[in-house]
């Protein structure tokens, strides 16, 4: 028998059998700022999705104004009066949706023509005093902005107009828009004649009115966070708001030709 040298003995290592189960993947730990960005982006997308005009379930900003809360507030304001109950509510509105629609109409009506009578009185006084047309437009634009921005319903109405279902907004604004156009049409028509101007042939009074309204709304929204911006003045003392307002008036109108310019020169 031949002996094998001890140092020549090789011991075979046991073979490992590959695991048949799938190992759980290591999850990466997100940094705090990345998590913040993900959450904010998802929240913004949800908000945009819910407030799109064609969203499957349009968001109603008035949904939180519940009938029960309104009754509590009314009874709190008049503690000695007869307490209102849900029965009184349902004698007026058949359901919560009907109440919210009329509430939106109420808010829109409140801001339809804030300060309209005061602005008209100011304009006619300036006309009677013989002020220059541009000065009249300057003063009424700034006065209108002051009175409108003082309306407590203003920013609620702007928010509702931007976020409520489109059909609901259109219905709620119908009456208010008619009154706004009627009163503004009268005032601007008078002032344009006084300034010896007329609408351009390719523009209507509604075009001019909605342009002025859009300008005012833009400055009102900006004034919430930067109240100084509408009031910034140029070297002549004109505010940014008044300059923009008068610029819109000029852009949508043209001078009325002098009758002598239209007549044939004498032979």
C-alpha atoms as a PDB file:
ATOM      1  CA  UNK A   1       0.000   0.000   0.000  1.00  0.00           C
ATOM      2  CA  UNK A   2       1.382   3.309  -1.015  1.00  0.00           C
ATOM      3  CA  UNK A   3       0.961   6.122   1.422  1.00  0.00           C
ATOM      4  CA  UNK A   4       0.108   9.528   0.124  1.00  0.00           C
ATOM      5  CA  UNK A   5       2.156  12.345   1.563  1.00  0.00           C
ATOM      6  CA  UNK A   6       0.192  14.385   4.049  1.00  0.00           C
ATOM      7  CA  UNK A   7       1.055  17.665   2.410  1.00  0.00           C
ATOM      8  CA  UNK A   8      -0.146  16.434  -0.957  1.00  0.00           C
ATOM      9  CA  UNK A   9      -3.633  15.767   0.313  1.00  0.00           C
ATOM     10  CA  UNK A  10      -6.090  18.263  -1.204  1.00  0.00           C
ATOM     11  CA  UNK A  11      -9.429  18.714   0.427  1.00  0.00           C
ATOM     12  CA  UNK A  12     -12.157  19.784  -1.907  1.00  0.00           C
ATOM     13  CA  UNK A  13     -14.167  22.792  -0.659  1.00  0.00           C
ATOM     14  CA  UNK A  14     -17.917  22.319  -0.505  1.00  0.00           C
ATOM     15  CA  UNK A  15     -19.726  23.809  -3.474  1.00  0.00           C
ATOM     16  CA  UNK A  16     -22.390  26.437  -2.870  1.00  0.00           C
ATOM     17  CA  UNK A  17     -25.718  25.863  -4.499  1.00  0.00           C
ATOM     18  CA  UNK A  18     -27.069  29.057  -6.124  1.00  0.00           C
ATOM     19  CA  UNK A  19     -30.115  30.389  -4.345  1.00  0.00           C
ATOM     20  CA  UNK A  20     -33.307  29.957  -6.305  1.00  0.00           C
ATOM     21  CA  UNK A  21     -35.138  32.742  -4.450  1.00  0.00           C
ATOM     22  CA  UNK A  22     -34.875  36.345  -5.723  1.00  0.00           C
ATOM     23  CA  UNK A  23     -33.024  38.651  -3.373  1.00  0.00           C
ATOM     24  CA  UNK A  24     -34.946  41.738  -2.208  1.00  0.00           C
ATOM     25  CA  UNK A  25     -33.529  44.810  -3.982  1.00  0.00           C
ATOM     26  CA  UNK A  26     -31.927  47.442  -1.851  1.00  0.00           C
ATOM     27  CA  UNK A  27     -34.157  50.572  -1.728  1.00  0.00           C
ATOM     28  CA  UNK A  28     -32.359  53.844  -2.142  1.00  0.00           C
ATOM     29  CA  UNK A  29     -32.871  56.323   0.643  1.00  0.00           C
ATOM     30  CA  UNK A  30     -34.171  59.588  -0.845  1.00  0.00           C
ATOM     31  CA  UNK A  31     -32.629  62.790   0.411  1.00  0.00           C
ATOM     32  CA  UNK A  32     -34.982  65.131   2.246  1.00  0.00           C
ATOM     33  CA  UNK A  33     -34.997  67.733  -0.529  1.00  0.00           C
ATOM     34  CA  UNK A  34     -35.778  65.146  -3.201  1.00  0.00           C
ATOM     35  CA  UNK A  35     -38.712  63.896  -1.120  1.00  0.00           C
ATOM     36  CA  UNK A  36     -39.914  67.463  -0.669  1.00  0.00           C
ATOM     37  CA  UNK A  37     -39.751  68.080  -4.436  1.00  0.00           C
ATOM     38  CA  UNK A  38     -41.649  64.860  -5.212  1.00  0.00           C
ATOM     39  CA  UNK A  39     -44.431  65.640  -2.761  1.00  0.00           C
ATOM     40  CA  UNK A  40     -44.819  69.234  -3.915  1.00  0.00           C
ATOM     41  CA  UNK A  41     -44.859  68.230  -7.594  1.00  0.00           C
ATOM     42  CA  UNK A  42     -47.500  65.546  -6.979  1.00  0.00           C
ATOM     43  CA  UNK A  43     -49.635  67.926  -4.902  1.00  0.00           C
ATOM     44  CA  UNK A  44     -49.435  70.611  -7.587  1.00  0.00           C
ATOM     45  CA  UNK A  45     -50.453  68.090 -10.250  1.00  0.00           C
ATOM     46  CA  UNK A  46     -53.463  67.025  -8.169  1.00  0.00           C
ATOM     47  CA  UNK A  47     -54.522  70.633  -7.626  1.00  0.00           C
ATOM     48  CA  UNK A  48     -54.189  71.399 -11.340  1.00  0.00           C
ATOM     49  CA  UNK A  49     -56.082  68.243 -12.271  1.00  0.00           C
ATOM     50  CA  UNK A  50     -58.970  69.079  -9.932  1.00  0.00           C
ATOM     51  CA  UNK A  51     -59.281  72.682 -11.131  1.00  0.00           C
ATOM     52  CA  UNK A  52     -59.051  72.082 -14.887  1.00  0.00           C
ATOM     53  CA  UNK A  53     -62.170  73.295 -16.740  1.00  0.00           C
ATOM     54  CA  UNK A  54     -62.677  69.792 -18.132  1.00  0.00           C
ATOM     55  CA  UNK A  55     -61.913  67.902 -14.906  1.00  0.00           C
ATOM     56  CA  UNK A  56     -64.175  64.847 -14.361  1.00  0.00           C
ATOM     57  CA  UNK A  57     -65.213  66.172 -10.922  1.00  0.00           C
ATOM     58  CA  UNK A  58     -64.692  69.954 -10.901  1.00  0.00           C
ATOM     59  CA  UNK A  59     -63.644  71.418  -7.566  1.00  0.00           C
ATOM     60  CA  UNK A  60     -66.165  73.677  -5.869  1.00  0.00           C
ATOM     61  CA  UNK A  61     -64.428  76.237  -3.614  1.00  0.00           C
ATOM     62  CA  UNK A  62     -67.745  76.914  -1.866  1.00  0.00           C
ATOM     63  CA  UNK A  63     -68.195  73.293  -0.834  1.00  0.00           C
ATOM     64  CA  UNK A  64     -66.780  74.037   2.627  1.00  0.00           C
ATOM     65  CA  UNK A  65     -69.467  76.661   3.285  1.00  0.00           C
ATOM     66  CA  UNK A  66     -71.981  74.293   4.817  1.00  0.00           C
ATOM     67  CA  UNK A  67     -75.577  75.122   5.625  1.00  0.00           C
ATOM     68  CA  UNK A  68     -75.032  74.145   9.278  1.00  0.00           C
ATOM     69  CA  UNK A  69     -72.122  76.607   9.589  1.00  0.00           C
ATOM     70  CA  UNK A  70     -74.234  79.405   8.090  1.00  0.00           C
ATOM     71  CA  UNK A  71     -77.062  78.770  10.547  1.00  0.00           C
ATOM     72  CA  UNK A  72     -74.660  78.840  13.487  1.00  0.00           C
ATOM     73  CA  UNK A  73     -73.228  82.171  12.266  1.00  0.00           C
ATOM     74  CA  UNK A  74     -76.649  83.765  11.745  1.00  0.00           C
ATOM     75  CA  UNK A  75     -77.811  82.699  15.200  1.00  0.00           C
ATOM     76  CA  UNK A  76     -74.561  83.921  16.766  1.00  0.00           C
ATOM     77  CA  UNK A  77     -75.035  87.362  15.233  1.00  0.00           C
ATOM     78  CA  UNK A  78     -78.584  87.647  16.566  1.00  0.00           C
ATOM     79  CA  UNK A  79     -78.581  85.844  19.931  1.00  0.00           C
ATOM     80  CA  UNK A  80     -81.871  87.424  21.022  1.00  0.00           C
ATOM     81  CA  UNK A  81     -83.723  86.686  17.797  1.00  0.00           C
ATOM     82  CA  UNK A  82     -85.631  83.620  16.774  1.00  0.00           C
ATOM     83  CA  UNK A  83     -83.218  80.789  16.025  1.00  0.00           C
ATOM     84  CA  UNK A  84     -83.035  79.721  12.410  1.00  0.00           C
ATOM     85  CA  UNK A  85     -83.131  75.996  11.709  1.00  0.00           C
ATOM     86  CA  UNK A  86     -82.518  73.735   8.765  1.00  0.00           C
ATOM     87  CA  UNK A  87     -86.237  73.954   7.995  1.00  0.00           C
ATOM     88  CA  UNK A  88     -85.870  77.663   7.195  1.00  0.00           C
ATOM     89  CA  UNK A  89     -82.950  76.845   4.925  1.00  0.00           C
ATOM     90  CA  UNK A  90     -84.797  74.198   2.911  1.00  0.00           C
ATOM     91  CA  UNK A  91     -87.827  76.439   2.468  1.00  0.00           C
ATOM     92  CA  UNK A  92     -85.565  78.661   0.321  1.00  0.00           C
ATOM     93  CA  UNK A  93     -83.128  76.258  -1.341  1.00  0.00           C
ATOM     94  CA  UNK A  94     -83.855  72.652  -2.266  1.00  0.00           C
ATOM     95  CA  UNK A  95     -80.309  71.517  -1.569  1.00  0.00           C
ATOM     96  CA  UNK A  96     -76.756  72.598  -0.771  1.00  0.00           C
ATOM     97  CA  UNK A  97     -75.804  72.954  -4.452  1.00  0.00           C
ATOM     98  CA  UNK A  98     -78.610  75.438  -5.134  1.00  0.00           C
ATOM     99  CA  UNK A  99     -77.531  77.459  -2.088  1.00  0.00           C
ATOM    100  CA  UNK A 100     -73.900  77.540  -3.235  1.00  0.00           C
ATOM    101  CA  UNK A 101     -74.881  78.701  -6.723  1.00  0.00           C
ATOM    102  CA  UNK A 102     -76.920  81.592  -5.334  1.00  0.00           C
ATOM    103  CA  UNK A 103     -74.092  82.402  -2.936  1.00  0.00           C
ATOM    104  CA  UNK A 104     -71.733  82.722  -5.887  1.00  0.00           C
ATOM    105  CA  UNK A 105     -74.221  84.990  -7.684  1.00  0.00           C
ATOM    106  CA  UNK A 106     -74.434  87.101  -4.528  1.00  0.00           C
ATOM    107  CA  UNK A 107     -70.646  87.493  -4.375  1.00  0.00           C
ATOM    108  CA  UNK A 108     -70.379  88.318  -8.083  1.00  0.00           C
ATOM    109  CA  UNK A 109     -73.149  90.909  -7.780  1.00  0.00           C
ATOM    110  CA  UNK A 110     -71.319  92.586  -4.912  1.00  0.00           C
ATOM    111  CA  UNK A 111     -68.265  93.305  -7.065  1.00  0.00           C
ATOM    112  CA  UNK A 112     -70.045  93.951 -10.377  1.00  0.00           C
ATOM    113  CA  UNK A 113     -69.816  97.736 -10.151  1.00  0.00           C
ATOM    114  CA  UNK A 114     -68.155  98.733  -6.868  1.00  0.00           C
ATOM    115  CA  UNK A 115     -67.970 102.503  -6.583  1.00  0.00           C
ATOM    116  CA  UNK A 116     -69.616 102.981  -9.987  1.00  0.00           C
ATOM    117  CA  UNK A 117     -71.722 105.931  -8.865  1.00  0.00           C
ATOM    118  CA  UNK A 118     -68.773 107.653  -7.190  1.00  0.00           C
ATOM    119  CA  UNK A 119     -66.554 107.168 -10.245  1.00  0.00           C
ATOM    120  CA  UNK A 120     -69.223 108.522 -12.570  1.00  0.00           C
ATOM    121  CA  UNK A 121     -69.717 111.550 -10.307  1.00  0.00           C
ATOM    122  CA  UNK A 122     -65.943 112.141 -10.238  1.00  0.00           C
ATOM    123  CA  UNK A 123     -65.678 111.907 -14.023  1.00  0.00           C
ATOM    124  CA  UNK A 124     -68.557 114.318 -14.677  1.00  0.00           C
ATOM    125  CA  UNK A 125     -67.189 116.790 -12.147  1.00  0.00           C
ATOM    126  CA  UNK A 126     -63.805 116.744 -13.878  1.00  0.00           C
ATOM    127  CA  UNK A 127     -65.522 117.230 -17.248  1.00  0.00           C
ATOM    128  CA  UNK A 128     -67.473 120.189 -15.846  1.00  0.00           C
ATOM    129  CA  UNK A 129     -64.209 121.661 -14.553  1.00  0.00           C
ATOM    130  CA  UNK A 130     -62.706 121.404 -18.038  1.00  0.00           C
ATOM    131  CA  UNK A 131     -59.886 119.026 -17.061  1.00  0.00           C
ATOM    132  CA  UNK A 132     -57.791 117.549 -19.862  1.00  0.00           C
ATOM    133  CA  UNK A 133     -59.079 114.160 -21.050  1.00  0.00           C
ATOM    134  CA  UNK A 134     -55.876 112.335 -20.119  1.00  0.00           C
ATOM    135  CA  UNK A 135     -56.101 113.733 -16.578  1.00  0.00           C
ATOM    136  CA  UNK A 136     -59.676 112.505 -16.279  1.00  0.00           C
ATOM    137  CA  UNK A 137     -58.703 109.001 -17.398  1.00  0.00           C
ATOM    138  CA  UNK A 138     -55.814 109.072 -14.922  1.00  0.00           C
ATOM    139  CA  UNK A 139     -57.992 110.034 -11.980  1.00  0.00           C
ATOM    140  CA  UNK A 140     -60.862 107.650 -12.697  1.00  0.00           C
ATOM    141  CA  UNK A 141     -58.497 104.697 -13.235  1.00  0.00           C
ATOM    142  CA  UNK A 142     -56.856 105.259  -9.870  1.00  0.00           C
ATOM    143  CA  UNK A 143     -60.156 105.947  -8.082  1.00  0.00           C
ATOM    144  CA  UNK A 144     -61.732 102.830  -9.580  1.00  0.00           C
ATOM    145  CA  UNK A 145     -58.765 100.758  -8.413  1.00  0.00           C
ATOM    146  CA  UNK A 146     -59.010 102.125  -4.861  1.00  0.00           C
ATOM    147  CA  UNK A 147     -62.750 101.493  -4.562  1.00  0.00           C
ATOM    148  CA  UNK A 148     -62.564  98.061  -6.136  1.00  0.00           C
ATOM    149  CA  UNK A 149     -59.656  96.893  -3.980  1.00  0.00           C
ATOM    150  CA  UNK A 150     -61.549  98.019  -0.862  1.00  0.00           C
ATOM    151  CA  UNK A 151     -64.432  95.631  -1.637  1.00  0.00           C
ATOM    152  CA  UNK A 152     -64.258  92.761   0.911  1.00  0.00           C
ATOM    153  CA  UNK A 153     -65.726  90.303  -1.624  1.00  0.00           C
ATOM    154  CA  UNK A 154     -63.158  91.112  -4.303  1.00  0.00           C
ATOM    155  CA  UNK A 155     -60.532  88.409  -3.850  1.00  0.00           C
ATOM    156  CA  UNK A 156     -63.147  85.798  -2.988  1.00  0.00           C
ATOM    157  CA  UNK A 157     -64.854  86.540  -6.317  1.00  0.00           C
ATOM    158  CA  UNK A 158     -61.547  86.378  -8.198  1.00  0.00           C
ATOM    159  CA  UNK A 159     -60.727  83.039  -6.591  1.00  0.00           C
ATOM    160  CA  UNK A 160     -64.173  81.651  -7.376  1.00  0.00           C
ATOM    161  CA  UNK A 161     -63.892  82.805 -10.974  1.00  0.00           C
ATOM    162  CA  UNK A 162     -60.577  80.986 -11.324  1.00  0.00           C
ATOM    163  CA  UNK A 163     -61.354  77.753  -9.472  1.00  0.00           C
ATOM    164  CA  UNK A 164     -65.083  77.035  -9.514  1.00  0.00           C
ATOM    165  CA  UNK A 165     -66.646  74.904 -12.287  1.00  0.00           C
ATOM    166  CA  UNK A 166     -66.855  76.930 -15.500  1.00  0.00           C
ATOM    167  CA  UNK A 167     -70.605  76.505 -16.010  1.00  0.00           C
ATOM    168  CA  UNK A 168     -71.260  77.590 -12.438  1.00  0.00           C
ATOM    169  CA  UNK A 169     -69.095  80.713 -12.856  1.00  0.00           C
ATOM    170  CA  UNK A 170     -70.664  81.615 -16.199  1.00  0.00           C
ATOM    171  CA  UNK A 171     -74.165  81.342 -14.759  1.00  0.00           C
ATOM    172  CA  UNK A 172     -73.290  83.277 -11.602  1.00  0.00           C
ATOM    173  CA  UNK A 173     -71.576  86.102 -13.512  1.00  0.00           C
ATOM    174  CA  UNK A 174     -74.257  86.584 -16.176  1.00  0.00           C
ATOM    175  CA  UNK A 175     -76.263  89.297 -14.453  1.00  0.00           C
ATOM    176  CA  UNK A 176     -73.228  91.005 -12.960  1.00  0.00           C
ATOM    177  CA  UNK A 177     -71.481  91.132 -16.339  1.00  0.00           C
ATOM    178  CA  UNK A 178     -74.508  92.741 -17.987  1.00  0.00           C
ATOM    179  CA  UNK A 179     -74.631  95.507 -15.379  1.00  0.00           C
ATOM    180  CA  UNK A 180     -70.882  96.036 -15.521  1.00  0.00           C
ATOM    181  CA  UNK A 181     -70.899  96.410 -19.313  1.00  0.00           C
ATOM    182  CA  UNK A 182     -73.936  98.701 -19.272  1.00  0.00           C
ATOM    183  CA  UNK A 183     -72.535 101.117 -16.693  1.00  0.00           C
ATOM    184  CA  UNK A 184     -68.971 101.098 -18.018  1.00  0.00           C
ATOM    185  CA  UNK A 185     -70.185 101.523 -21.609  1.00  0.00           C
ATOM    186  CA  UNK A 186     -72.056 104.686 -20.636  1.00  0.00           C
ATOM    187  CA  UNK A 187     -69.107 106.220 -18.788  1.00  0.00           C
ATOM    188  CA  UNK A 188     -66.460 105.417 -21.407  1.00  0.00           C
ATOM    189  CA  UNK A 189     -68.691 106.572 -24.278  1.00  0.00           C
ATOM    190  CA  UNK A 190     -69.107 109.966 -22.624  1.00  0.00           C
ATOM    191  CA  UNK A 191     -65.381 110.294 -21.899  1.00  0.00           C
ATOM    192  CA  UNK A 192     -64.335 109.231 -25.386  1.00  0.00           C
ATOM    193  CA  UNK A 193     -66.603 111.894 -26.917  1.00  0.00           C
ATOM    194  CA  UNK A 194     -65.189 114.466 -24.513  1.00  0.00           C
ATOM    195  CA  UNK A 195     -61.661 113.434 -25.549  1.00  0.00           C
ATOM    196  CA  UNK A 196     -62.636 113.730 -29.236  1.00  0.00           C
ATOM    197  CA  UNK A 197     -61.947 110.029 -29.744  1.00  0.00           C
ATOM    198  CA  UNK A 198     -63.954 107.084 -31.072  1.00  0.00           C
ATOM    199  CA  UNK A 199     -63.528 103.327 -31.091  1.00  0.00           C
ATOM    200  CA  UNK A 200     -61.392 101.954 -33.881  1.00  0.00           C
ATOM    201  CA  UNK A 201     -63.483 100.369 -36.658  1.00  0.00           C
ATOM    202  CA  UNK A 202     -62.200  96.897 -35.779  1.00  0.00           C
ATOM    203  CA  UNK A 203     -62.945  97.234 -32.037  1.00  0.00           C
ATOM    204  CA  UNK A 204     -66.146  97.214 -29.994  1.00  0.00           C
ATOM    205  CA  UNK A 205     -66.974  98.784 -26.665  1.00  0.00           C
ATOM    206  CA  UNK A 206     -67.016  95.318 -25.096  1.00  0.00           C
ATOM    207  CA  UNK A 207     -63.448  94.782 -26.333  1.00  0.00           C
ATOM    208  CA  UNK A 208     -62.377  97.960 -24.573  1.00  0.00           C
ATOM    209  CA  UNK A 209     -64.321  97.211 -21.376  1.00  0.00           C
ATOM    210  CA  UNK A 210     -62.895  93.709 -20.959  1.00  0.00           C
ATOM    211  CA  UNK A 211     -59.375  94.937 -21.713  1.00  0.00           C
ATOM    212  CA  UNK A 212     -59.673  97.553 -18.970  1.00  0.00           C
ATOM    213  CA  UNK A 213     -61.152  94.944 -16.606  1.00  0.00           C
ATOM    214  CA  UNK A 214     -58.333  92.482 -17.326  1.00  0.00           C
ATOM    215  CA  UNK A 215     -55.765  95.185 -16.614  1.00  0.00           C
ATOM    216  CA  UNK A 216     -57.444  96.063 -13.320  1.00  0.00           C
ATOM    217  CA  UNK A 217     -57.726  92.427 -12.201  1.00  0.00           C
ATOM    218  CA  UNK A 218     -54.063  91.813 -12.987  1.00  0.00           C
ATOM    219  CA  UNK A 219     -52.949  94.759 -10.883  1.00  0.00           C
ATOM    220  CA  UNK A 220     -55.357  93.808  -8.081  1.00  0.00           C
ATOM    221  CA  UNK A 221     -53.892  90.313  -7.859  1.00  0.00           C
ATOM    222  CA  UNK A 222     -50.347  91.660  -7.965  1.00  0.00           C
ATOM    223  CA  UNK A 223     -51.150  94.230  -5.274  1.00  0.00           C
ATOM    224  CA  UNK A 224     -51.867  91.467  -2.754  1.00  0.00           C
ATOM    225  CA  UNK A 225     -48.194  90.554  -2.543  1.00  0.00           C
ATOM    226  CA  UNK A 226     -46.630  93.752  -3.937  1.00  0.00           C
ATOM    227  CA  UNK A 227     -48.970  96.670  -3.120  1.00  0.00           C
ATOM    228  CA  UNK A 228     -46.458  99.219  -4.361  1.00  0.00           C
ATOM    229  CA  UNK A 229     -46.391  98.028  -7.979  1.00  0.00           C
ATOM    230  CA  UNK A 230     -49.635  99.687  -9.236  1.00  0.00           C
ATOM    231  CA  UNK A 231     -48.670 102.953  -7.503  1.00  0.00           C
ATOM    232  CA  UNK A 232     -45.142 103.322  -8.901  1.00  0.00           C
ATOM    233  CA  UNK A 233     -44.950 106.692 -10.600  1.00  0.00           C
ATOM    234  CA  UNK A 234     -43.007 108.037 -13.566  1.00  0.00           C
ATOM    235  CA  UNK A 235     -41.359 111.463 -13.827  1.00  0.00           C
ATOM    236  CA  UNK A 236     -44.734 113.029 -14.600  1.00  0.00           C
ATOM    237  CA  UNK A 237     -46.377 111.589 -11.497  1.00  0.00           C
ATOM    238  CA  UNK A 238     -48.460 109.023 -13.375  1.00  0.00           C
ATOM    239  CA  UNK A 239     -48.862 105.683 -11.636  1.00  0.00           C
ATOM    240  CA  UNK A 240     -48.071 102.489 -13.530  1.00  0.00           C
ATOM    241  CA  UNK A 241     -51.757 101.586 -13.321  1.00  0.00           C
ATOM    242  CA  UNK A 242     -52.931 104.905 -14.803  1.00  0.00           C
ATOM    243  CA  UNK A 243     -50.331 104.791 -17.584  1.00  0.00           C
ATOM    244  CA  UNK A 244     -51.412 101.280 -18.566  1.00  0.00           C
ATOM    245  CA  UNK A 245     -55.110 102.234 -18.396  1.00  0.00           C
ATOM    246  CA  UNK A 246     -54.663 105.263 -20.635  1.00  0.00           C
ATOM    247  CA  UNK A 247     -52.541 103.165 -22.986  1.00  0.00           C
ATOM    248  CA  UNK A 248     -55.433 100.721 -23.410  1.00  0.00           C
ATOM    249  CA  UNK A 249     -57.828 103.616 -24.114  1.00  0.00           C
ATOM    250  CA  UNK A 250     -55.509 104.910 -26.837  1.00  0.00           C
ATOM    251  CA  UNK A 251     -54.887 101.466 -28.312  1.00  0.00           C
ATOM    252  CA  UNK A 252     -58.604 100.706 -28.712  1.00  0.00           C
ATOM    253  CA  UNK A 253     -59.658 104.145 -29.954  1.00  0.00           C
ATOM    254  CA  UNK A 254     -58.601 106.782 -32.458  1.00  0.00           C
ATOM    255  CA  UNK A 255     -58.959 110.568 -32.743  1.00  0.00           C
ATOM    256  CA  UNK A 256     -62.121 111.852 -34.358  1.00  0.00           C
ATOM    257  CA  UNK A 257     -61.056 113.694 -37.516  1.00  0.00           C
ATOM    258  CA  UNK A 258     -61.658 117.413 -37.547  1.00  0.00           C
ATOM    259  CA  UNK A 259     -64.599 118.215 -39.810  1.00  0.00           C
ATOM    260  CA  UNK A 260     -62.492 120.803 -41.567  1.00  0.00           C
ATOM    261  CA  UNK A 261     -59.948 118.112 -42.465  1.00  0.00           C
ATOM    262  CA  UNK A 262     -62.675 115.996 -44.098  1.00  0.00           C
ATOM    263  CA  UNK A 263     -64.199 118.817 -46.109  1.00  0.00           C
ATOM    264  CA  UNK A 264     -62.956 119.721 -49.571  1.00  0.00           C
ATOM    265  CA  UNK A 265     -60.635 122.729 -49.680  1.00  0.00           C
ATOM    266  CA  UNK A 266     -62.319 125.849 -50.985  1.00  0.00           C
ATOM    267  CA  UNK A 267     -61.807 126.456 -54.702  1.00  0.00           C
END
